[in-house]
């Protein structure tokens, strides 16, 4: 259950892997406009213009690093995409 919604600092984006026509995989960036906090754990969930996203694959931070919510971090989008392709066959070229 969500407890509170707070505005997001500019520079945060929800990342989602997408296939290009030529077979490459790239990151689709959607700006985060607010964060919804879970009542018991205070886990933040991004809210974009598309709405609340509790299943966001990853978040791009203003410093260029990528976080999977509640899991590992990556130094950049390219490293995250490599990991997505390695662990999730549907994102392989």
C-alpha atoms as a PDB file:
ATOM      1  CA  UNK A   1       0.000   0.000   0.000  1.00  0.00           C
ATOM      2  CA  UNK A   2       1.312   3.430  -0.900  1.00  0.00           C
ATOM      3  CA  UNK A   3       1.597   6.081   1.771  1.00  0.00           C
ATOM      4  CA  UNK A   4       2.853   9.286   0.231  1.00  0.00           C
ATOM      5  CA  UNK A   5       3.660  10.932  -3.098  1.00  0.00           C
ATOM      6  CA  UNK A   6       6.541  13.392  -3.310  1.00  0.00           C
ATOM      7  CA  UNK A   7       7.811  15.448  -6.279  1.00  0.00           C
ATOM      8  CA  UNK A   8      10.843  14.103  -8.118  1.00  0.00           C
ATOM      9  CA  UNK A   9      14.059  16.038  -8.513  1.00  0.00           C
ATOM     10  CA  UNK A  10      14.713  16.724 -12.223  1.00  0.00           C
ATOM     11  CA  UNK A  11      17.063  14.296 -13.971  1.00  0.00           C
ATOM     12  CA  UNK A  12      15.501  10.951 -13.008  1.00  0.00           C
ATOM     13  CA  UNK A  13      14.137   8.705 -15.764  1.00  0.00           C
ATOM     14  CA  UNK A  14      12.397   5.332 -15.947  1.00  0.00           C
ATOM     15  CA  UNK A  15      14.377   3.131 -18.330  1.00  0.00           C
ATOM     16  CA  UNK A  16      12.853   0.417 -20.478  1.00  0.00           C
ATOM     17  CA  UNK A  17      14.650  -1.673 -23.100  1.00  0.00           C
ATOM     18  CA  UNK A  18      13.157  -1.458 -26.595  1.00  0.00           C
ATOM     19  CA  UNK A  19      14.036  -3.158 -29.875  1.00  0.00           C
ATOM     20  CA  UNK A  20      14.967  -0.995 -32.841  1.00  0.00           C
ATOM     21  CA  UNK A  21      14.099  -1.998 -36.417  1.00  0.00           C
ATOM     22  CA  UNK A  22      17.666  -3.136 -37.130  1.00  0.00           C
ATOM     23  CA  UNK A  23      17.551  -5.506 -34.145  1.00  0.00           C
ATOM     24  CA  UNK A  24      19.531  -3.352 -31.720  1.00  0.00           C
ATOM     25  CA  UNK A  25      18.276  -2.800 -28.206  1.00  0.00           C
ATOM     26  CA  UNK A  26      18.256   0.686 -26.748  1.00  0.00           C
ATOM     27  CA  UNK A  27      16.863   2.399 -23.673  1.00  0.00           C
ATOM     28  CA  UNK A  28      13.614   4.333 -23.740  1.00  0.00           C
ATOM     29  CA  UNK A  29      13.790   7.178 -21.189  1.00  0.00           C
ATOM     30  CA  UNK A  30      10.624   8.490 -19.536  1.00  0.00           C
ATOM     31  CA  UNK A  31      10.989  11.390 -17.058  1.00  0.00           C
ATOM     32  CA  UNK A  32      10.058  10.703 -13.427  1.00  0.00           C
ATOM     33  CA  UNK A  33       7.758  13.479 -12.174  1.00  0.00           C
ATOM     34  CA  UNK A  34       7.103  12.127  -8.667  1.00  0.00           C
ATOM     35  CA  UNK A  35       7.788   9.206  -6.333  1.00  0.00           C
ATOM     36  CA  UNK A  36       5.217   7.070  -4.522  1.00  0.00           C
ATOM     37  CA  UNK A  37       6.470   5.675  -1.215  1.00  0.00           C
ATOM     38  CA  UNK A  38       5.335   2.286   0.054  1.00  0.00           C
ATOM     39  CA  UNK A  39       3.732   2.512   3.489  1.00  0.00           C
ATOM     40  CA  UNK A  40       5.793  -0.078   5.423  1.00  0.00           C
ATOM     41  CA  UNK A  41       9.141  -0.083   3.616  1.00  0.00           C
ATOM     42  CA  UNK A  42       9.270   3.436   2.155  1.00  0.00           C
ATOM     43  CA  UNK A  43      10.379   1.806  -1.120  1.00  0.00           C
ATOM     44  CA  UNK A  44      10.093   4.515  -3.811  1.00  0.00           C
ATOM     45  CA  UNK A  45       8.196   3.799  -7.019  1.00  0.00           C
ATOM     46  CA  UNK A  46       8.468   6.183  -9.969  1.00  0.00           C
ATOM     47  CA  UNK A  47       5.533   8.124 -11.325  1.00  0.00           C
ATOM     48  CA  UNK A  48       5.891   9.377 -14.898  1.00  0.00           C
ATOM     49  CA  UNK A  49       3.426  10.995 -17.274  1.00  0.00           C
ATOM     50  CA  UNK A  50       2.369   7.390 -18.008  1.00  0.00           C
ATOM     51  CA  UNK A  51       1.401   6.928 -14.337  1.00  0.00           C
ATOM     52  CA  UNK A  52       2.698   4.869 -11.421  1.00  0.00           C
ATOM     53  CA  UNK A  53       5.224   2.186 -12.420  1.00  0.00           C
ATOM     54  CA  UNK A  54       5.738  -0.493  -9.762  1.00  0.00           C
ATOM     55  CA  UNK A  55       7.466  -2.771 -12.310  1.00  0.00           C
ATOM     56  CA  UNK A  56      10.004  -0.281 -13.691  1.00  0.00           C
ATOM     57  CA  UNK A  57      13.020  -2.179 -15.057  1.00  0.00           C
ATOM     58  CA  UNK A  58      15.429   0.543 -13.939  1.00  0.00           C
ATOM     59  CA  UNK A  59      15.921   4.201 -13.037  1.00  0.00           C
ATOM     60  CA  UNK A  60      18.503   6.522 -14.587  1.00  0.00           C
ATOM     61  CA  UNK A  61      19.855   8.909 -11.957  1.00  0.00           C
ATOM     62  CA  UNK A  62      21.076  12.462 -12.644  1.00  0.00           C
ATOM     63  CA  UNK A  63      24.700  11.290 -12.172  1.00  0.00           C
ATOM     64  CA  UNK A  64      24.308   8.831 -15.093  1.00  0.00           C
ATOM     65  CA  UNK A  65      24.179   5.690 -12.962  1.00  0.00           C
ATOM     66  CA  UNK A  66      21.349   3.189 -13.359  1.00  0.00           C
ATOM     67  CA  UNK A  67      19.560   1.494 -10.434  1.00  0.00           C
ATOM     68  CA  UNK A  68      17.227  -1.451 -10.508  1.00  0.00           C
ATOM     69  CA  UNK A  69      14.723  -0.717  -7.767  1.00  0.00           C
ATOM     70  CA  UNK A  70      15.753  -2.674  -4.692  1.00  0.00           C
ATOM     71  CA  UNK A  71      18.543  -4.449  -6.573  1.00  0.00           C
ATOM     72  CA  UNK A  72      21.887  -3.784  -8.272  1.00  0.00           C
ATOM     73  CA  UNK A  73      23.302  -0.616  -9.802  1.00  0.00           C
ATOM     74  CA  UNK A  74      25.187   0.001 -13.044  1.00  0.00           C
ATOM     75  CA  UNK A  75      27.677   2.719 -13.925  1.00  0.00           C
ATOM     76  CA  UNK A  76      25.843   3.714 -17.122  1.00  0.00           C
ATOM     77  CA  UNK A  77      22.952   2.890 -19.465  1.00  0.00           C
ATOM     78  CA  UNK A  78      25.230   0.816 -21.733  1.00  0.00           C
ATOM     79  CA  UNK A  79      26.212  -1.495 -18.832  1.00  0.00           C
ATOM     80  CA  UNK A  80      22.555  -1.901 -17.865  1.00  0.00           C
ATOM     81  CA  UNK A  81      21.609  -2.790 -21.459  1.00  0.00           C
ATOM     82  CA  UNK A  82      24.376  -5.412 -21.612  1.00  0.00           C
ATOM     83  CA  UNK A  83      23.063  -6.945 -18.381  1.00  0.00           C
ATOM     84  CA  UNK A  84      19.474  -6.904 -19.672  1.00  0.00           C
ATOM     85  CA  UNK A  85      20.530  -8.728 -22.826  1.00  0.00           C
ATOM     86  CA  UNK A  86      22.578 -11.239 -20.839  1.00  0.00           C
ATOM     87  CA  UNK A  87      19.872 -12.145 -18.323  1.00  0.00           C
ATOM     88  CA  UNK A  88      16.723 -11.645 -20.384  1.00  0.00           C
ATOM     89  CA  UNK A  89      16.847 -13.454 -23.757  1.00  0.00           C
ATOM     90  CA  UNK A  90      13.959 -11.442 -25.201  1.00  0.00           C
ATOM     91  CA  UNK A  91      16.246  -8.370 -25.222  1.00  0.00           C
ATOM     92  CA  UNK A  92      19.086 -10.021 -27.128  1.00  0.00           C
ATOM     93  CA  UNK A  93      19.878  -8.851 -30.648  1.00  0.00           C
END
